[in-house]
Each structure stands twice: as structure tokens, then as C-alpha cells.
Protein backbone atom coordinates (compact mmCIF):
# COMPACT_ATOMS: atom_id res chain seq x y z
CA UNK A 1 -132.60 106.04 -5.36
CA UNK A 2 -130.41 103.85 -7.56
CA UNK A 3 -131.60 100.61 -5.99
CA UNK A 4 -135.26 101.63 -6.19
CA UNK A 5 -134.76 102.59 -9.85
CA UNK A 6 -133.10 99.22 -10.56
CA UNK A 7 -135.96 97.40 -8.86
CA UNK A 8 -138.59 99.22 -10.89
CA UNK A 9 -136.57 98.64 -14.08
CA UNK A 10 -136.87 94.90 -13.42
CA UNK A 11 -140.58 95.04 -12.62
CA UNK A 12 -140.48 94.94 -8.82
CA UNK A 13 -142.80 96.88 -6.55
CA UNK A 14 -140.14 98.44 -4.35
CA UNK A 15 -140.05 101.41 -2.02
CA UNK A 16 -137.06 103.04 -0.37
CA UNK A 17 -136.82 105.17 2.68
CA UNK A 18 -134.12 107.40 4.12
CA UNK A 19 -133.73 109.30 7.38
CA UNK A 20 -130.36 110.95 7.85
CA UNK A 21 -127.77 108.19 7.43
CA UNK A 22 -130.33 105.38 7.79
CA UNK A 23 -131.95 103.63 4.84
CA UNK A 24 -134.12 100.65 3.98
CA UNK A 25 -136.21 99.03 1.27
CA UNK A 26 -139.60 97.37 1.11
CA UNK A 27 -141.06 95.22 -1.63
CA UNK A 28 -144.38 97.01 -1.61
CA UNK A 29 -146.59 98.84 -4.14
CA UNK A 30 -147.21 101.81 -1.84
CA UNK A 31 -144.86 104.03 0.15
CA UNK A 32 -144.13 102.71 3.65
CA UNK A 33 -144.43 105.17 6.53
CA UNK A 34 -145.32 102.95 9.50
CA UNK A 35 -145.25 99.39 10.80
CA UNK A 36 -148.73 98.56 9.51
CA UNK A 37 -147.72 99.51 5.96
CA UNK A 38 -144.35 97.74 6.29
CA UNK A 39 -146.10 94.54 7.39
CA UNK A 40 -147.88 94.45 4.00
CA UNK A 41 -144.53 94.15 2.20
CA UNK A 42 -143.28 90.95 0.58
CA UNK A 43 -141.04 89.51 3.30
CA UNK A 44 -140.26 86.35 1.30
CA UNK A 45 -138.90 88.44 -1.58
CA UNK A 46 -136.93 90.56 0.90
CA UNK A 47 -135.35 87.40 2.31
CA UNK A 48 -134.31 86.20 -1.15
CA UNK A 49 -133.00 89.69 -1.99
CA UNK A 50 -130.99 89.80 1.23
CA UNK A 51 -129.44 86.35 0.67
CA UNK A 52 -128.53 87.11 -2.94
CA UNK A 53 -126.91 90.43 -1.96
CA UNK A 54 -125.01 88.73 0.87
CA UNK A 55 -123.73 86.04 -1.52
CA UNK A 56 -122.20 88.86 -3.58
CA UNK A 57 -120.53 90.52 -0.60
CA UNK A 58 -123.11 93.22 0.20
CA UNK A 59 -124.02 93.17 3.87
CA UNK A 60 -127.45 94.73 4.47
CA UNK A 61 -129.74 94.75 7.48
CA UNK A 62 -131.16 91.19 7.62
CA UNK A 63 -134.77 92.25 8.18
CA UNK A 64 -137.02 94.64 6.31
CA UNK A 65 -137.87 96.07 9.73
CA UNK A 66 -134.26 97.13 10.36
CA UNK A 67 -132.31 100.06 8.94
CA UNK A 68 -129.02 100.09 7.14
CA UNK A 69 -126.53 102.83 7.97
CA UNK A 70 -124.25 104.97 5.82
CA UNK A 71 -121.03 106.34 7.22
CA UNK A 72 -118.14 108.52 6.16
CA UNK A 73 -116.24 105.31 5.42
CA UNK A 74 -118.56 104.57 2.45
CA UNK A 75 -117.16 105.99 -0.77
CA UNK A 76 -118.99 106.91 -3.97
CA UNK A 77 -117.34 103.82 -5.45
CA UNK A 78 -118.85 101.64 -2.68
CA UNK A 79 -122.29 103.08 -3.40
CA UNK A 80 -122.02 102.60 -7.17
CA UNK A 81 -120.77 99.03 -6.73
CA UNK A 82 -123.68 98.25 -4.39
CA UNK A 83 -126.18 99.66 -6.89
CA UNK A 84 -124.63 97.59 -9.69
CA UNK A 85 -124.82 94.42 -7.60
CA UNK A 86 -128.41 95.23 -6.64
CA UNK A 87 -129.26 95.71 -10.33
CA UNK A 88 -127.86 92.25 -11.08
CA UNK A 89 -129.74 90.65 -8.14
CA UNK A 90 -133.00 92.38 -9.00
CA UNK A 91 -132.72 91.16 -12.60
CA UNK A 92 -132.62 87.57 -11.27
CA UNK A 93 -135.09 87.87 -8.39
């Protein structure tokens, strides 16, 4: 929820989804529950977001149609650092 909150704080229409250890984000006004809804998302903004996160050392799934995965190797510190980097990126996006 931290990345979605950061996105909304900076005025972005952003939705997040989670299923078990999988996660993903969409730049979309409405919740995304299927491919048709996902296809309405801002793919250009997602591409910029992905590149800016990558430049700062955060490796996310390269497509809004792919999921990211959490594992036991990810610490609370990793998660907080990722949210802080996302906040910075979203402030500049």
C-alpha cells in the first residue's frame, strides 16, 4: 500500500494489486481486475516509472502485465527502501 499511497500523494491515478506473494501496479483511475481493465492503464507512464526505478536500483517486472514477487529474502528494510525510492520517483514522474 505504501507505493499506492505515494502515487496518490503526488497526484497519480494508481492502483495496486496483490495475490499471495505476487504484486503489481497500474496507472489507472479504476481498480484493475482483468486484462480489459489493465489495457486501459497508462503504459507510457508505467514505462517511465519502471526506468526511473531501475536507475535507482529497484528491479521490478518490466511490464504492467507481469507480476512482481516477494520472497522470504526481502526484509522490512528492503520494503521501506523501495517505498522511499518509489516516493521520490513518483514525485518526479
